Amino acid sequence: MNFTVDKEGALAIFHLHESRLDSTNAAEAKSEFLVLTQSSLDVLILDFSEVTFCDSSGLSAILLAERQLRERDGGIIVVDSHGKVRSLFEIAKLTDVIPLVSTIDEARKLIVED
């Protein structure tokens, strides 16, 4: 799985450099999310701006990260510029649970507003 992570204090941005978040890479994503969420993070931005397909395995990885941070009063924000994650979130009725934005700048604005 091709990804990078930028850390800025209690914020981390996970950039997935893949077109898919599915059964082929979701297990590795979960492992990375567990490592990240066990650190001193308050907010994890999942940058899926390159993702054009996400299935239930990918959704499971996202929900793992959300649950891990929520248990510590933190949270995640998903950057989904193609709308492919949004459609899955809508089917799963998660659009009110996890913020979805189109850009990293929008995600940063959400953090400032909280």
PDB file of N, CA and C in Angstrom:
ATOM      1  N   MET A   1       0.852  -1.168   0.000  1.00  0.00           N
ATOM      2  CA  MET A   1       0.000   0.000   0.000  1.00  0.00           C
ATOM      3  C   MET A   1       0.900   1.235   0.000  1.00  0.00           C
ATOM      4  N   ASN A   2       0.559   2.169  -0.838  1.00  0.00           N
ATOM      5  CA  ASN A   2       1.345   3.382  -0.988  1.00  0.00           C
ATOM      6  C   ASN A   2       0.655   4.522  -0.234  1.00  0.00           C
ATOM      7  N   PHE A   3       1.310   5.045   0.802  1.00  0.00           N
ATOM      8  CA  PHE A   3       0.726   6.118   1.597  1.00  0.00           C
ATOM      9  C   PHE A   3       1.843   6.945   2.233  1.00  0.00           C
ATOM     10  N   THR A   4       1.475   8.139   2.684  1.00  0.00           N
ATOM     11  CA  THR A   4       2.374   8.978   3.476  1.00  0.00           C
ATOM     12  C   THR A   4       1.572   9.514   4.660  1.00  0.00           C
ATOM     13  N   VAL A   5       2.291   9.914   5.693  1.00  0.00           N
ATOM     14  CA  VAL A   5       1.653  10.482   6.881  1.00  0.00           C
ATOM     15  C   VAL A   5       2.387  11.762   7.243  1.00  0.00           C
ATOM     16  N   ASP A   6       1.628  12.827   7.427  1.00  0.00           N
ATOM     17  CA  ASP A   6       2.174  14.096   7.918  1.00  0.00           C
ATOM     18  C   ASP A   6       1.634  14.304   9.323  1.00  0.00           C
ATOM     19  N   LYS A   7       2.546  14.553  10.267  1.00  0.00           N
ATOM     20  CA  LYS A   7       2.120  14.792  11.644  1.00  0.00           C
ATOM     21  C   LYS A   7       2.407  16.239  12.018  1.00  0.00           C
ATOM     22  N   GLU A   8       1.420  16.847  12.672  1.00  0.00           N
ATOM     23  CA  GLU A   8       1.535  18.225  13.140  1.00  0.00           C
ATOM     24  C   GLU A   8       0.961  18.281  14.545  1.00  0.00           C
ATOM     25  N   GLY A   9       1.775  18.024  15.529  1.00  0.00           N
ATOM     26  CA  GLY A   9       1.284  18.001  16.908  1.00  0.00           C
ATOM     27  C   GLY A   9       0.295  16.879  17.113  1.00  0.00           C
ATOM     28  N   ALA A  10      -0.926  17.228  17.547  1.00  0.00           N
ATOM     29  CA  ALA A  10      -1.962  16.233  17.820  1.00  0.00           C
ATOM     30  C   ALA A  10      -2.803  15.913  16.590  1.00  0.00           C
ATOM     31  N   LEU A  11      -2.333  16.358  15.417  1.00  0.00           N
ATOM     32  CA  LEU A  11      -3.020  16.113  14.139  1.00  0.00           C
ATOM     33  C   LEU A  11      -2.121  15.268  13.242  1.00  0.00           C
ATOM     34  N   ALA A  12      -2.722  14.299  12.575  1.00  0.00           N
ATOM     35  CA  ALA A  12      -2.007  13.530  11.554  1.00  0.00           C
ATOM     36  C   ALA A  12      -2.879  13.489  10.300  1.00  0.00           C
ATOM     37  N   ILE A  13      -2.211  13.561   9.160  1.00  0.00           N
ATOM     38  CA  ILE A  13      -2.902  13.444   7.878  1.00  0.00           C
ATOM     39  C   ILE A  13      -2.355  12.211   7.182  1.00  0.00           C
ATOM     40  N   PHE A  14      -3.230  11.248   6.970  1.00  0.00           N
ATOM     41  CA  PHE A  14      -2.888  10.005   6.286  1.00  0.00           C
ATOM     42  C   PHE A  14      -3.291  10.172   4.823  1.00  0.00           C
ATOM     43  N   HIS A  15      -2.311  10.203   3.922  1.00  0.00           N
ATOM     44  CA  HIS A  15      -2.566  10.352   2.488  1.00  0.00           C
ATOM     45  C   HIS A  15      -2.461   8.975   1.834  1.00  0.00           C
ATOM     46  N   LEU A  16      -3.558   8.461   1.324  1.00  0.00           N
ATOM     47  CA  LEU A  16      -3.526   7.189   0.615  1.00  0.00           C
ATOM     48  C   LEU A  16      -3.270   7.460  -0.859  1.00  0.00           C
ATOM     49  N   HIS A  17      -2.158   6.953  -1.362  1.00  0.00           N
ATOM     50  CA  HIS A  17      -1.776   7.146  -2.765  1.00  0.00           C
ATOM     51  C   HIS A  17      -2.126   5.909  -3.578  1.00  0.00           C
ATOM     52  N   GLU A  18      -3.385   5.544  -3.503  1.00  0.00           N
ATOM     53  CA  GLU A  18      -3.933   4.387  -4.215  1.00  0.00           C
ATOM     54  C   GLU A  18      -5.289   4.802  -4.767  1.00  0.00           C
ATOM     55  N   SER A  19      -5.720   4.155  -5.823  1.00  0.00           N
ATOM     56  CA  SER A  19      -7.045   4.471  -6.366  1.00  0.00           C
ATOM     57  C   SER A  19      -8.149   3.673  -5.681  1.00  0.00           C
ATOM     58  N   ARG A  20      -7.754   2.660  -4.905  1.00  0.00           N
ATOM     59  CA  ARG A  20      -8.756   1.798  -4.263  1.00  0.00           C
ATOM     60  C   ARG A  20      -8.456   1.639  -2.771  1.00  0.00           C
ATOM     61  N   LEU A  21      -9.520   1.595  -1.991  1.00  0.00           N
ATOM     62  CA  LEU A  21      -9.443   1.184  -0.599  1.00  0.00           C
ATOM     63  C   LEU A  21     -10.433   0.039  -0.484  1.00  0.00           C
ATOM     64  N   ASP A  22      -9.888  -1.178  -0.584  1.00  0.00           N
ATOM     65  CA  ASP A  22     -10.744  -2.361  -0.649  1.00  0.00           C
ATOM     66  C   ASP A  22     -10.056  -3.538   0.019  1.00  0.00           C
ATOM     67  N   SER A  23     -10.543  -4.730  -0.252  1.00  0.00           N
ATOM     68  CA  SER A  23     -10.023  -5.926   0.411  1.00  0.00           C
ATOM     69  C   SER A  23      -8.551  -6.181   0.126  1.00  0.00           C
ATOM     70  N   THR A  24      -8.011  -5.587  -0.922  1.00  0.00           N
ATOM     71  CA  THR A  24      -6.598  -5.802  -1.237  1.00  0.00           C
ATOM     72  C   THR A  24      -5.661  -5.012  -0.335  1.00  0.00           C
ATOM     73  N   ASN A  25      -6.151  -3.917   0.265  1.00  0.00           N
ATOM     74  CA  ASN A  25      -5.264  -3.109   1.096  1.00  0.00           C
ATOM     75  C   ASN A  25      -5.883  -2.658   2.417  1.00  0.00           C
ATOM     76  N   ALA A  26      -7.121  -3.038   2.689  1.00  0.00           N
ATOM     77  CA  ALA A  26      -7.803  -2.586   3.905  1.00  0.00           C
ATOM     78  C   ALA A  26      -7.132  -3.106   5.178  1.00  0.00           C
ATOM     79  N   ALA A  27      -6.634  -4.323   5.159  1.00  0.00           N
ATOM     80  CA  ALA A  27      -5.974  -4.864   6.353  1.00  0.00           C
ATOM     81  C   ALA A  27      -4.729  -4.049   6.697  1.00  0.00           C
ATOM     82  N   GLU A  28      -3.969  -3.679   5.686  1.00  0.00           N
ATOM     83  CA  GLU A  28      -2.786  -2.852   5.927  1.00  0.00           C
ATOM     84  C   GLU A  28      -3.185  -1.452   6.402  1.00  0.00           C
ATOM     85  N   ALA A  29      -4.256  -0.928   5.840  1.00  0.00           N
ATOM     86  CA  ALA A  29      -4.762   0.380   6.283  1.00  0.00           C
ATOM     87  C   ALA A  29      -5.171   0.301   7.755  1.00  0.00           C
ATOM     88  N   LYS A  30      -5.873  -0.753   8.143  1.00  0.00           N
ATOM     89  CA  LYS A  30      -6.267  -0.927   9.542  1.00  0.00           C
ATOM     90  C   LYS A  30      -5.051  -0.930  10.456  1.00  0.00           C
ATOM     91  N   SER A  31      -4.017  -1.647  10.049  1.00  0.00           N
ATOM     92  CA  SER A  31      -2.799  -1.705  10.860  1.00  0.00           C
ATOM     93  C   SER A  31      -2.191  -0.318  11.041  1.00  0.00           C
ATOM     94  N   GLU A  32      -2.122   0.431   9.965  1.00  0.00           N
ATOM     95  CA  GLU A  32      -1.578   1.789  10.043  1.00  0.00           C
ATOM     96  C   GLU A  32      -2.455   2.684  10.904  1.00  0.00           C
ATOM     97  N   PHE A  33      -3.773   2.558  10.749  1.00  0.00           N
ATOM     98  CA  PHE A  33      -4.682   3.371  11.553  1.00  0.00           C
ATOM     99  C   PHE A  33      -4.538   3.046  13.035  1.00  0.00           C
ATOM    100  N   LEU A  34      -4.365   1.772  13.358  1.00  0.00           N
ATOM    101  CA  LEU A  34      -4.166   1.386  14.762  1.00  0.00           C
ATOM    102  C   LEU A  34      -2.897   2.008  15.321  1.00  0.00           C
ATOM    103  N   VAL A  35      -1.825   1.971  14.562  1.00  0.00           N
ATOM    104  CA  VAL A  35      -0.571   2.580  15.009  1.00  0.00           C
ATOM    105  C   VAL A  35      -0.768   4.079  15.232  1.00  0.00           C
ATOM    106  N   LEU A  36      -1.385   4.732  14.273  1.00  0.00           N
ATOM    107  CA  LEU A  36      -1.595   6.181  14.384  1.00  0.00           C
ATOM    108  C   LEU A  36      -2.497   6.540  15.558  1.00  0.00           C
ATOM    109  N   THR A  37      -3.575   5.797  15.744  1.00  0.00           N
ATOM    110  CA  THR A  37      -4.533   6.147  16.786  1.00  0.00           C
ATOM    111  C   THR A  37      -4.049   5.786  18.188  1.00  0.00           C
ATOM    112  N   GLN A  38      -3.006   4.997  18.281  1.00  0.00           N
ATOM    113  CA  GLN A  38      -2.450   4.675  19.586  1.00  0.00           C
ATOM    114  C   GLN A  38      -1.441   5.725  20.044  1.00  0.00           C
ATOM    115  N   SER A  39      -1.121   6.671  19.172  1.00  0.00           N
ATOM    116  CA  SER A  39      -0.223   7.761  19.550  1.00  0.00           C
ATOM    117  C   SER A  39      -1.050   8.866  20.200  1.00  0.00           C
ATOM    118  N   SER A  40      -0.466  10.013  20.375  1.00  0.00           N
ATOM    119  CA  SER A  40      -1.142  11.108  21.084  1.00  0.00           C
ATOM    120  C   SER A  40      -1.964  11.997  20.149  1.00  0.00           C
ATOM    121  N   LEU A  41      -2.645  11.385  19.205  1.00  0.00           N
ATOM    122  CA  LEU A  41      -3.462  12.148  18.250  1.00  0.00           C
ATOM    123  C   LEU A  41      -4.798  12.564  18.845  1.00  0.00           C
ATOM    124  N   ASP A  42      -5.257  13.736  18.410  1.00  0.00           N
ATOM    125  CA  ASP A  42      -6.623  14.158  18.689  1.00  0.00           C
ATOM    126  C   ASP A  42      -7.473  14.031  17.433  1.00  0.00           C
ATOM    127  N   VAL A  43      -6.847  14.321  16.284  1.00  0.00           N
ATOM    128  CA  VAL A  43      -7.570  14.296  15.012  1.00  0.00           C
ATOM    129  C   VAL A  43      -6.727  13.587  13.954  1.00  0.00           C
ATOM    130  N   LEU A  44      -7.383  12.723  13.204  1.00  0.00           N
ATOM    131  CA  LEU A  44      -6.764  12.047  12.065  1.00  0.00           C
ATOM    132  C   LEU A  44      -7.550  12.411  10.820  1.00  0.00           C
ATOM    133  N   ILE A  45      -6.876  13.040   9.872  1.00  0.00           N
ATOM    134  CA  ILE A  45      -7.492  13.335   8.584  1.00  0.00           C
ATOM    135  C   ILE A  45      -7.089  12.212   7.635  1.00  0.00           C
ATOM    136  N   LEU A  46      -8.083  11.559   7.063  1.00  0.00           N
ATOM    137  CA  LEU A  46      -7.835  10.499   6.089  1.00  0.00           C
ATOM    138  C   LEU A  46      -8.011  11.107   4.713  1.00  0.00           C
ATOM    139  N   ASP A  47      -6.908  11.342   4.035  1.00  0.00           N
ATOM    140  CA  ASP A  47      -6.928  11.966   2.711  1.00  0.00           C
ATOM    141  C   ASP A  47      -7.089  10.882   1.651  1.00  0.00           C
ATOM    142  N   PHE A  48      -8.327  10.732   1.202  1.00  0.00           N
ATOM    143  CA  PHE A  48      -8.644   9.764   0.152  1.00  0.00           C
ATOM    144  C   PHE A  48      -8.934  10.474  -1.160  1.00  0.00           C
ATOM    145  N   SER A  49      -8.264  11.588  -1.391  1.00  0.00           N
ATOM    146  CA  SER A  49      -8.508  12.376  -2.607  1.00  0.00           C
ATOM    147  C   SER A  49      -8.096  11.640  -3.876  1.00  0.00           C
ATOM    148  N   GLU A  50      -7.263  10.608  -3.752  1.00  0.00           N
ATOM    149  CA  GLU A  50      -6.877   9.816  -4.920  1.00  0.00           C
ATOM    150  C   GLU A  50      -7.728   8.555  -5.070  1.00  0.00           C
ATOM    151  N   VAL A  51      -8.582   8.283  -4.086  1.00  0.00           N
ATOM    152  CA  VAL A  51      -9.382   7.054  -4.075  1.00  0.00           C
ATOM    153  C   VAL A  51     -10.604   7.214  -4.980  1.00  0.00           C
ATOM    154  N   THR A  52     -10.757   6.272  -5.902  1.00  0.00           N
ATOM    155  CA  THR A  52     -11.922   6.272  -6.788  1.00  0.00           C
ATOM    156  C   THR A  52     -12.837   5.077  -6.535  1.00  0.00           C
ATOM    157  N   PHE A  53     -12.432   4.176  -5.607  1.00  0.00           N
ATOM    158  CA  PHE A  53     -13.277   3.036  -5.246  1.00  0.00           C
ATOM    159  C   PHE A  53     -13.027   2.667  -3.799  1.00  0.00           C
ATOM    160  N   CYS A  54     -14.105   2.474  -3.050  1.00  0.00           N
ATOM    161  CA  CYS A  54     -14.020   2.035  -1.654  1.00  0.00           C
ATOM    162  C   CYS A  54     -15.123   1.013  -1.430  1.00  0.00           C
ATOM    163  N   ASP A  55     -14.763  -0.138  -0.838  1.00  0.00           N
ATOM    164  CA  ASP A  55     -15.775  -1.150  -0.548  1.00  0.00           C
ATOM    165  C   ASP A  55     -15.957  -1.303   0.961  1.00  0.00           C
ATOM    166  N   SER A  56     -16.696  -2.313   1.361  1.00  0.00           N
ATOM    167  CA  SER A  56     -16.991  -2.507   2.782  1.00  0.00           C
ATOM    168  C   SER A  56     -15.737  -2.795   3.605  1.00  0.00           C
ATOM    169  N   SER A  57     -14.720  -3.388   3.000  1.00  0.00           N
ATOM    170  CA  SER A  57     -13.458  -3.618   3.713  1.00  0.00           C
ATOM    171  C   SER A  57     -12.781  -2.289   4.028  1.00  0.00           C
ATOM    172  N   GLY A  58     -12.815  -1.376   3.072  1.00  0.00           N
ATOM    173  CA  GLY A  58     -12.272  -0.043   3.292  1.00  0.00           C
ATOM    174  C   GLY A  58     -13.062   0.706   4.348  1.00  0.00           C
ATOM    175  N   LEU A  59     -14.373   0.569   4.287  1.00  0.00           N
ATOM    176  CA  LEU A  59     -15.233   1.206   5.280  1.00  0.00           C
ATOM    177  C   LEU A  59     -14.919   0.675   6.674  1.00  0.00           C
ATOM    178  N   SER A  60     -14.674  -0.596   6.786  1.00  0.00           N
ATOM    179  CA  SER A  60     -14.319  -1.202   8.065  1.00  0.00           C
ATOM    180  C   SER A  60     -13.042  -0.580   8.625  1.00  0.00           C
ATOM    181  N   ALA A  61     -12.060  -0.329   7.778  1.00  0.00           N
ATOM    182  CA  ALA A  61     -10.812   0.300   8.217  1.00  0.00           C
ATOM    183  C   ALA A  61     -11.076   1.719   8.719  1.00  0.00           C
ATOM    184  N   ILE A  62     -11.912   2.460   8.011  1.00  0.00           N
ATOM    185  CA  ILE A  62     -12.257   3.826   8.413  1.00  0.00           C
ATOM    186  C   ILE A  62     -12.966   3.814   9.770  1.00  0.00           C
ATOM    187  N   LEU A  63     -13.908   2.891   9.944  1.00  0.00           N
ATOM    188  CA  LEU A  63     -14.654   2.807  11.196  1.00  0.00           C
ATOM    189  C   LEU A  63     -13.772   2.411  12.371  1.00  0.00           C
ATOM    190  N   LEU A  64     -12.757   1.603  12.116  1.00  0.00           N
ATOM    191  CA  LEU A  64     -11.807   1.246  13.167  1.00  0.00           C
ATOM    192  C   LEU A  64     -11.089   2.500  13.668  1.00  0.00           C
ATOM    193  N   ALA A  65     -10.600   3.307  12.739  1.00  0.00           N
ATOM    194  CA  ALA A  65      -9.902   4.541  13.114  1.00  0.00           C
ATOM    195  C   ALA A  65     -10.840   5.466  13.891  1.00  0.00           C
ATOM    196  N   GLU A  66     -12.074   5.599  13.420  1.00  0.00           N
ATOM    197  CA  GLU A  66     -13.044   6.472  14.085  1.00  0.00           C
ATOM    198  C   GLU A  66     -13.299   6.007  15.510  1.00  0.00           C
ATOM    199  N   ARG A  67     -13.512   4.717  15.685  1.00  0.00           N
ATOM    200  CA  ARG A  67     -13.803   4.178  17.013  1.00  0.00           C
ATOM    201  C   ARG A  67     -12.616   4.357  17.967  1.00  0.00           C
ATOM    202  N   GLN A  68     -11.419   4.096  17.471  1.00  0.00           N
ATOM    203  CA  GLN A  68     -10.233   4.231  18.312  1.00  0.00           C
ATOM    204  C   GLN A  68     -10.064   5.662  18.820  1.00  0.00           C
ATOM    205  N   LEU A  69     -10.266   6.639  17.945  1.00  0.00           N
ATOM    206  CA  LEU A  69     -10.110   8.033  18.366  1.00  0.00           C
ATOM    207  C   LEU A  69     -11.301   8.528  19.186  1.00  0.00           C
ATOM    208  N   ARG A  70     -12.491   8.108  18.851  1.00  0.00           N
ATOM    209  CA  ARG A  70     -13.680   8.517  19.616  1.00  0.00           C
ATOM    210  C   ARG A  70     -13.555   8.076  21.067  1.00  0.00           C
ATOM    211  N   GLU A  71     -12.992   6.895  21.303  1.00  0.00           N
ATOM    212  CA  GLU A  71     -12.824   6.394  22.666  1.00  0.00           C
ATOM    213  C   GLU A  71     -11.905   7.286  23.489  1.00  0.00           C
ATOM    214  N   ARG A  72     -11.093   8.104  22.819  1.00  0.00           N
ATOM    215  CA  ARG A  72     -10.183   9.033  23.500  1.00  0.00           C
ATOM    216  C   ARG A  72     -10.611  10.483  23.265  1.00  0.00           C
ATOM    217  N   ASP A  73     -11.881  10.678  22.931  1.00  0.00           N
ATOM    218  CA  ASP A  73     -12.443  12.011  22.676  1.00  0.00           C
ATOM    219  C   ASP A  73     -11.794  12.715  21.497  1.00  0.00           C
ATOM    220  N   GLY A  74     -11.279  11.944  20.556  1.00  0.00           N
ATOM    221  CA  GLY A  74     -10.738  12.503  19.320  1.00  0.00           C
ATOM    222  C   GLY A  74     -11.691  12.224  18.172  1.00  0.00           C
ATOM    223  N   GLY A  75     -11.213  12.393  16.956  1.00  0.00           N
ATOM    224  CA  GLY A  75     -12.065  12.123  15.816  1.00  0.00           C
ATOM    225  C   GLY A  75     -11.308  12.063  14.512  1.00  0.00           C
ATOM    226  N   ILE A  76     -12.015  11.663  13.478  1.00  0.00           N
ATOM    227  CA  ILE A  76     -11.434  11.616  12.142  1.00  0.00           C
ATOM    228  C   ILE A  76     -12.268  12.481  11.210  1.00  0.00           C
ATOM    229  N   ILE A  77     -11.624  12.894  10.141  1.00  0.00           N
ATOM    230  CA  ILE A  77     -12.273  13.611   9.053  1.00  0.00           C
ATOM    231  C   ILE A  77     -11.796  12.942   7.773  1.00  0.00           C
ATOM    232  N   VAL A  78     -12.710  12.671   6.865  1.00  0.00           N
ATOM    233  CA  VAL A  78     -12.368  12.009   5.607  1.00  0.00           C
ATOM    234  C   VAL A  78     -12.417  13.025   4.465  1.00  0.00           C
ATOM    235  N   VAL A  79     -11.321  13.091   3.712  1.00  0.00           N
ATOM    236  CA  VAL A  79     -11.262  13.915   2.508  1.00  0.00           C
ATOM    237  C   VAL A  79     -11.592  13.003   1.330  1.00  0.00           C
ATOM    238  N   ASP A  80     -12.686  13.336   0.643  1.00  0.00           N
ATOM    239  CA  ASP A  80     -13.206  12.494  -0.435  1.00  0.00           C
ATOM    240  C   ASP A  80     -13.575  13.384  -1.616  1.00  0.00           C
ATOM    241  N   SER A  81     -12.603  13.734  -2.420  1.00  0.00           N
ATOM    242  CA  SER A  81     -12.861  14.678  -3.513  1.00  0.00           C
ATOM    243  C   SER A  81     -13.630  14.057  -4.674  1.00  0.00           C
ATOM    244  N   HIS A  82     -13.622  12.739  -4.794  1.00  0.00           N
ATOM    245  CA  HIS A  82     -14.331  12.077  -5.899  1.00  0.00           C
ATOM    246  C   HIS A  82     -15.753  11.657  -5.543  1.00  0.00           C
ATOM    247  N   GLY A  83     -16.092  11.680  -4.254  1.00  0.00           N
ATOM    248  CA  GLY A  83     -17.429  11.290  -3.833  1.00  0.00           C
ATOM    249  C   GLY A  83     -17.640   9.789  -3.737  1.00  0.00           C
ATOM    250  N   LYS A  84     -16.600   9.005  -3.939  1.00  0.00           N
ATOM    251  CA  LYS A  84     -16.751   7.550  -3.905  1.00  0.00           C
ATOM    252  C   LYS A  84     -16.931   7.019  -2.481  1.00  0.00           C
ATOM    253  N   VAL A  85     -16.299   7.652  -1.526  1.00  0.00           N
ATOM    254  CA  VAL A  85     -16.477   7.244  -0.140  1.00  0.00           C
ATOM    255  C   VAL A  85     -17.843   7.734   0.352  1.00  0.00           C
ATOM    256  N   ARG A  86     -18.232   8.922  -0.070  1.00  0.00           N
ATOM    257  CA  ARG A  86     -19.525   9.487   0.343  1.00  0.00           C
ATOM    258  C   ARG A  86     -20.676   8.551  -0.025  1.00  0.00           C
ATOM    259  N   SER A  87     -20.660   8.002  -1.218  1.00  0.00           N
ATOM    260  CA  SER A  87     -21.762   7.127  -1.624  1.00  0.00           C
ATOM    261  C   SER A  87     -21.849   5.902  -0.708  1.00  0.00           C
ATOM    262  N   LEU A  88     -20.719   5.361  -0.314  1.00  0.00           N
ATOM    263  CA  LEU A  88     -20.710   4.233   0.620  1.00  0.00           C
ATOM    264  C   LEU A  88     -21.194   4.676   2.004  1.00  0.00           C
ATOM    265  N   PHE A  89     -20.773   5.856   2.448  1.00  0.00           N
ATOM    266  CA  PHE A  89     -21.228   6.396   3.736  1.00  0.00           C
ATOM    267  C   PHE A  89     -22.734   6.610   3.725  1.00  0.00           C
ATOM    268  N   GLU A  90     -23.270   7.072   2.605  1.00  0.00           N
ATOM    269  CA  GLU A  90     -24.710   7.294   2.518  1.00  0.00           C
ATOM    270  C   GLU A  90     -25.478   5.983   2.619  1.00  0.00           C
ATOM    271  N   ILE A  91     -24.984   4.955   1.946  1.00  0.00           N
ATOM    272  CA  ILE A  91     -25.622   3.634   2.017  1.00  0.00           C
ATOM    273  C   ILE A  91     -25.594   3.110   3.451  1.00  0.00           C
ATOM    274  N   ALA A  92     -24.457   3.309   4.137  1.00  0.00           N
ATOM    275  CA  ALA A  92     -24.294   2.814   5.508  1.00  0.00           C
ATOM    276  C   ALA A  92     -24.855   3.778   6.557  1.00  0.00           C
ATOM    277  N   LYS A  93     -25.408   4.908   6.096  1.00  0.00           N
ATOM    278  CA  LYS A  93     -25.982   5.917   6.990  1.00  0.00           C
ATOM    279  C   LYS A  93     -24.954   6.459   7.985  1.00  0.00           C
ATOM    280  N   LEU A  94     -23.762   6.769   7.485  1.00  0.00           N
ATOM    281  CA  LEU A  94     -22.675   7.274   8.325  1.00  0.00           C
ATOM    282  C   LEU A  94     -22.346   8.743   8.075  1.00  0.00           C
ATOM    283  N   THR A  95     -23.098   9.405   7.208  1.00  0.00           N
ATOM    284  CA  THR A  95     -22.764  10.789   6.869  1.00  0.00           C
ATOM    285  C   THR A  95     -22.912  11.731   8.062  1.00  0.00           C
ATOM    286  N   ASP A  96     -23.692  11.362   9.064  1.00  0.00           N
ATOM    287  CA  ASP A  96     -23.813  12.185  10.259  1.00  0.00           C
ATOM    288  C   ASP A  96     -22.802  11.816  11.333  1.00  0.00           C
ATOM    289  N   VAL A  97     -22.088  10.718  11.130  1.00  0.00           N
ATOM    290  CA  VAL A  97     -21.156  10.220  12.141  1.00  0.00           C
ATOM    291  C   VAL A  97     -19.734  10.707  11.881  1.00  0.00           C
ATOM    292  N   ILE A  98     -19.305  10.646  10.630  1.00  0.00           N
ATOM    293  CA  ILE A  98     -17.939  11.011  10.253  1.00  0.00           C
ATOM    294  C   ILE A  98     -17.997  12.139   9.238  1.00  0.00           C
ATOM    295  N   PRO A  99     -17.327  13.266   9.531  1.00  0.00           N
ATOM    296  CA  PRO A  99     -17.334  14.374   8.575  1.00  0.00           C
ATOM    297  C   PRO A  99     -16.620  13.999   7.273  1.00  0.00           C
ATOM    298  N   LEU A 100     -17.265  14.334   6.162  1.00  0.00           N
ATOM    299  CA  LEU A 100     -16.691  14.145   4.830  1.00  0.00           C
ATOM    300  C   LEU A 100     -16.543  15.516   4.187  1.00  0.00           C
ATOM    301  N   VAL A 101     -15.345  15.803   3.693  1.00  0.00           N
ATOM    302  CA  VAL A 101     -15.081  17.078   3.044  1.00  0.00           C
ATOM    303  C   VAL A 101     -14.368  16.814   1.722  1.00  0.00           C
ATOM    304  N   SER A 102     -14.257  17.859   0.908  1.00  0.00           N
ATOM    305  CA  SER A 102     -13.645  17.694  -0.420  1.00  0.00           C
ATOM    306  C   SER A 102     -12.150  17.977  -0.455  1.00  0.00           C
ATOM    307  N   THR A 103     -11.651  18.747   0.526  1.00  0.00           N
ATOM    308  CA  THR A 103     -10.227  19.120   0.511  1.00  0.00           C
ATOM    309  C   THR A 103      -9.646  19.072   1.925  1.00  0.00           C
ATOM    310  N   ILE A 104      -8.342  19.021   1.990  1.00  0.00           N
ATOM    311  CA  ILE A 104      -7.660  19.069   3.285  1.00  0.00           C
ATOM    312  C   ILE A 104      -7.889  20.424   3.944  1.00  0.00           C
ATOM    313  N   ASP A 105      -7.942  21.495   3.160  1.00  0.00           N
ATOM    314  CA  ASP A 105      -8.224  22.815   3.734  1.00  0.00           C
ATOM    315  C   ASP A 105      -9.573  22.835   4.436  1.00  0.00           C
ATOM    316  N   GLU A 106     -10.584  22.214   3.845  1.00  0.00           N
ATOM    317  CA  GLU A 106     -11.901  22.129   4.493  1.00  0.00           C
ATOM    318  C   GLU A 106     -11.806  21.347   5.805  1.00  0.00           C
ATOM    319  N   ALA A 107     -11.015  20.293   5.799  1.00  0.00           N
ATOM    320  CA  ALA A 107     -10.834  19.489   7.015  1.00  0.00           C
ATOM    321  C   ALA A 107     -10.183  20.331   8.109  1.00  0.00           C
ATOM    322  N   ARG A 108      -9.176  21.097   7.746  1.00  0.00           N
ATOM    323  CA  ARG A 108      -8.504  21.959   8.721  1.00  0.00           C
ATOM    324  C   ARG A 108      -9.475  22.993   9.299  1.00  0.00           C
ATOM    325  N   LYS A 109     -10.352  23.521   8.470  1.00  0.00           N
ATOM    326  CA  LYS A 109     -11.342  24.507   8.942  1.00  0.00           C
ATOM    327  C   LYS A 109     -12.286  23.867   9.948  1.00  0.00           C
ATOM    328  N   LEU A 110     -12.662  22.617   9.728  1.00  0.00           N
ATOM    329  CA  LEU A 110     -13.521  21.921  10.692  1.00  0.00           C
ATOM    330  C   LEU A 110     -12.847  21.791  12.050  1.00  0.00           C
ATOM    331  N   ILE A 111     -11.554  21.540  12.047  1.00  0.00           N
ATOM    332  CA  ILE A 111     -10.800  21.383  13.292  1.00  0.00           C
ATOM    333  C   ILE A 111     -10.781  22.701  14.048  1.00  0.00           C
ATOM    334  N   VAL A 112     -10.565  23.799  13.331  1.00  0.00           N
ATOM    335  CA  VAL A 112     -10.523  25.121  13.955  1.00  0.00           C
ATOM    336  C   VAL A 112     -11.874  25.483  14.541  1.00  0.00           C
ATOM    337  N   GLU A 113     -12.959  25.115  13.855  1.00  0.00           N
ATOM    338  CA  GLU A 113     -14.316  25.424  14.317  1.00  0.00           C
ATOM    339  C   GLU A 113     -14.678  24.680  15.590  1.00  0.00           C
ATOM    340  N   ASP A 114     -14.104  23.484  15.778  1.00  0.00           N
ATOM    341  CA  ASP A 114     -14.417  22.708  16.981  1.00  0.00           C
ATOM    342  C   ASP A 114     -13.700  23.295  18.126  1.00  0.00           C
TER     343      ASP A 114
END
